[in-house]
C-alpha atoms as a PDB file:
ATOM      1  CA  MET A   1     151.499  21.186 -62.395  1.00  0.00           C
ATOM      2  CA  SER A   2     151.190  22.855 -65.771  1.00  0.00           C
ATOM      3  CA  GLN A   3     152.063  21.087 -68.984  1.00  0.00           C
ATOM      4  CA  GLN A   4     155.044  23.424 -69.418  1.00  0.00           C
ATOM      5  CA  ASP A   5     156.315  22.554 -65.911  1.00  0.00           C
ATOM      6  CA  GLN A   6     155.911  18.847 -66.640  1.00  0.00           C
ATOM      7  CA  ARG A   7     157.829  19.214 -69.900  1.00  0.00           C
ATOM      8  CA  ALA A   8     160.637  21.105 -68.141  1.00  0.00           C
ATOM      9  CA  ARG A   9     160.823  18.394 -65.492  1.00  0.00           C
ATOM     10  CA  VAL A  10     161.019  15.618 -68.101  1.00  0.00           C
ATOM     11  CA  LEU A  11     163.740  17.483 -69.999  1.00  0.00           C
ATOM     12  CA  ALA A  12     165.724  17.966 -66.781  1.00  0.00           C
ATOM     13  CA  LEU A  13     165.455  14.258 -65.981  1.00  0.00           C
ATOM     14  CA  ALA A  14     166.564  13.357 -69.511  1.00  0.00           C
ATOM     15  CA  ALA A  15     169.571  15.657 -69.194  1.00  0.00           C
ATOM     16  CA  ASP A  16     170.501  14.057 -65.860  1.00  0.00           C
ATOM     17  CA  SER A  17     170.245  10.597 -67.446  1.00  0.00           C
ATOM     18  CA  ALA A  18     172.477  11.645 -70.328  1.00  0.00           C
ATOM     19  CA  ILE A  19     175.086  12.905 -67.897  1.00  0.00           C
ATOM     20  CA  MET A  20     174.957   9.647 -65.939  1.00  0.00           C
ATOM     21  CA  THR A  21     175.479   7.506 -69.031  1.00  0.00           C
ATOM     22  CA  VAL A  22     178.895   5.891 -68.973  1.00  0.00           C
ATOM     23  CA  ASP A  23     180.823   5.828 -72.234  1.00  0.00           C
ATOM     24  CA  ARG A  24     181.976   2.225 -72.675  1.00  0.00           C
ATOM     25  CA  ALA A  25     185.001   3.180 -74.783  1.00  0.00           C
ATOM     26  CA  THR A  26     186.220   5.507 -72.038  1.00  0.00           C
ATOM     27  CA  LEU A  27     185.515   2.853 -69.440  1.00  0.00           C
ATOM     28  CA  ARG A  28     187.815   0.404 -71.270  1.00  0.00           C
ATOM     29  CA  LEU A  29     190.736   2.758 -70.582  1.00  0.00           C
ATOM     30  CA  PHE A  30     190.426   1.782 -66.920  1.00  0.00           C
ATOM     31  CA  ASP A  31     190.486  -1.991 -67.582  1.00  0.00           C
ATOM     32  CA  GLY A  32     193.115  -3.743 -65.481  1.00  0.00           C
ATOM     33  CA  ARG A  33     193.892  -0.566 -63.584  1.00  0.00           C
ATOM     34  CA  LEU A  34     190.901  -0.050 -61.303  1.00  0.00           C
ATOM     35  CA  PRO A  35     187.785  -2.088 -60.479  1.00  0.00           C
ATOM     36  CA  GLN A  36     184.771  -1.564 -62.750  1.00  0.00           C
ATOM     37  CA  ARG A  37     182.626   0.095 -60.053  1.00  0.00           C
ATOM     38  CA  ILE A  38     185.329   2.684 -59.366  1.00  0.00           C
ATOM     39  CA  ALA A  39     185.939   3.269 -63.066  1.00  0.00           C
ATOM     40  CA  GLU A  40     182.226   3.924 -63.596  1.00  0.00           C
ATOM     41  CA  ALA A  41     182.132   6.418 -60.711  1.00  0.00           C
ATOM     42  CA  LEU A  42     185.209   8.200 -62.074  1.00  0.00           C
ATOM     43  CA  VAL A  43     183.831   8.420 -65.606  1.00  0.00           C
ATOM     44  CA  LYS A  44     180.531   9.765 -64.274  1.00  0.00           C
ATOM     45  CA  ALA A  45     182.534  12.362 -62.337  1.00  0.00           C
ATOM     46  CA  GLY A  46     184.266  13.481 -65.548  1.00  0.00           C
ATOM     47  CA  ILE A  47     187.567  11.614 -65.273  1.00  0.00           C
ATOM     48  CA  ASP A  48     188.107  10.347 -68.821  1.00  0.00           C
ATOM     49  CA  ALA A  49     191.418   8.508 -68.304  1.00  0.00           C
ATOM     50  CA  PRO A  50     193.048   6.875 -65.272  1.00  0.00           C
ATOM     51  CA  GLU A  51     196.226   8.888 -65.855  1.00  0.00           C
ATOM     52  CA  ARG A  52     194.327  12.033 -64.836  1.00  0.00           C
ATOM     53  CA  LEU A  53     194.331  10.658 -61.292  1.00  0.00           C
ATOM     54  CA  LEU A  54     198.116  10.943 -61.243  1.00  0.00           C
ATOM     55  CA  PHE A  55     197.903  14.724 -61.505  1.00  0.00           C
ATOM     56  CA  MET A  56     195.134  15.250 -58.964  1.00  0.00           C
ATOM     57  CA  SER A  57     195.629  15.970 -55.288  1.00  0.00           C
ATOM     58  CA  LYS A  58     194.109  13.725 -52.644  1.00  0.00           C
ATOM     59  CA  VAL A  59     191.731  16.576 -51.796  1.00  0.00           C
ATOM     60  CA  GLU A  60     190.534  16.757 -55.414  1.00  0.00           C
ATOM     61  CA  ILE A  61     190.033  12.985 -55.530  1.00  0.00           C
ATOM     62  CA  ALA A  62     188.138  13.016 -52.218  1.00  0.00           C
ATOM     63  CA  ALA A  63     185.800  15.668 -53.647  1.00  0.00           C
ATOM     64  CA  LEU A  64     184.764  13.520 -56.621  1.00  0.00           C
ATOM     65  CA  PRO A  65     181.116  12.476 -56.393  1.00  0.00           C
ATOM     66  CA  GLY A  66     180.591   8.739 -55.975  1.00  0.00           C
ATOM     67  CA  VAL A  67     184.134   8.106 -54.724  1.00  0.00           C
ATOM     68  CA  GLY A  68     184.063   6.910 -51.129  1.00  0.00           C
ATOM     69  CA  PRO A  69     186.775   5.761 -48.716  1.00  0.00           C
ATOM     70  CA  ALA A  70     187.158   2.285 -50.233  1.00  0.00           C
ATOM     71  CA  ALA A  71     187.463   3.702 -53.751  1.00  0.00           C
ATOM     72  CA  ARG A  72     190.008   6.259 -52.547  1.00  0.00           C
ATOM     73  CA  ARG A  73     192.153   3.449 -51.108  1.00  0.00           C
ATOM     74  CA  GLU A  74     192.061   1.679 -54.490  1.00  0.00           C
ATOM     75  CA  ILE A  75     192.924   4.923 -56.275  1.00  0.00           C
ATOM     76  CA  ASP A  76     195.782   5.562 -53.826  1.00  0.00           C
ATOM     77  CA  ALA A  77     197.167   2.084 -54.554  1.00  0.00           C
ATOM     78  CA  TYR A  78     196.969   2.796 -58.291  1.00  0.00           C
ATOM     79  CA  ARG A  79     198.700   6.167 -57.877  1.00  0.00           C
ATOM     80  CA  MET A  80     201.493   4.677 -55.720  1.00  0.00           C
ATOM     81  CA  ARG A  81     202.574   2.553 -58.686  1.00  0.00           C
ATOM     82  CA  PHE A  82     203.441   5.734 -60.634  1.00  0.00           C
ATOM     83  CA  VAL A  83     203.727   8.715 -58.278  1.00  0.00           C
ATOM     84  CA  PRO A  84     206.629   8.821 -55.830  1.00  0.00           C
ATOM     85  CA  HIS A  85     205.513   9.157 -52.204  1.00  0.00           C
END
């Protein structure tokens, strides 16, 4: 592997790490609303406030990376407190 290829690979990994970093201030917006592990997955997926979940369809929520069946049940319970069925 050339030095230029190695540099490109390192830069790509650094960019991925930056994307995966969770902003603690944003994470605090989820406190008391959803478990920490779910909040982290949502923030990593680009959801910057729990209220955004209220305006998303179940299909959109299911498509979020890192949000599995158990997390979707928790999110559904959160949404039911605010969104009429």
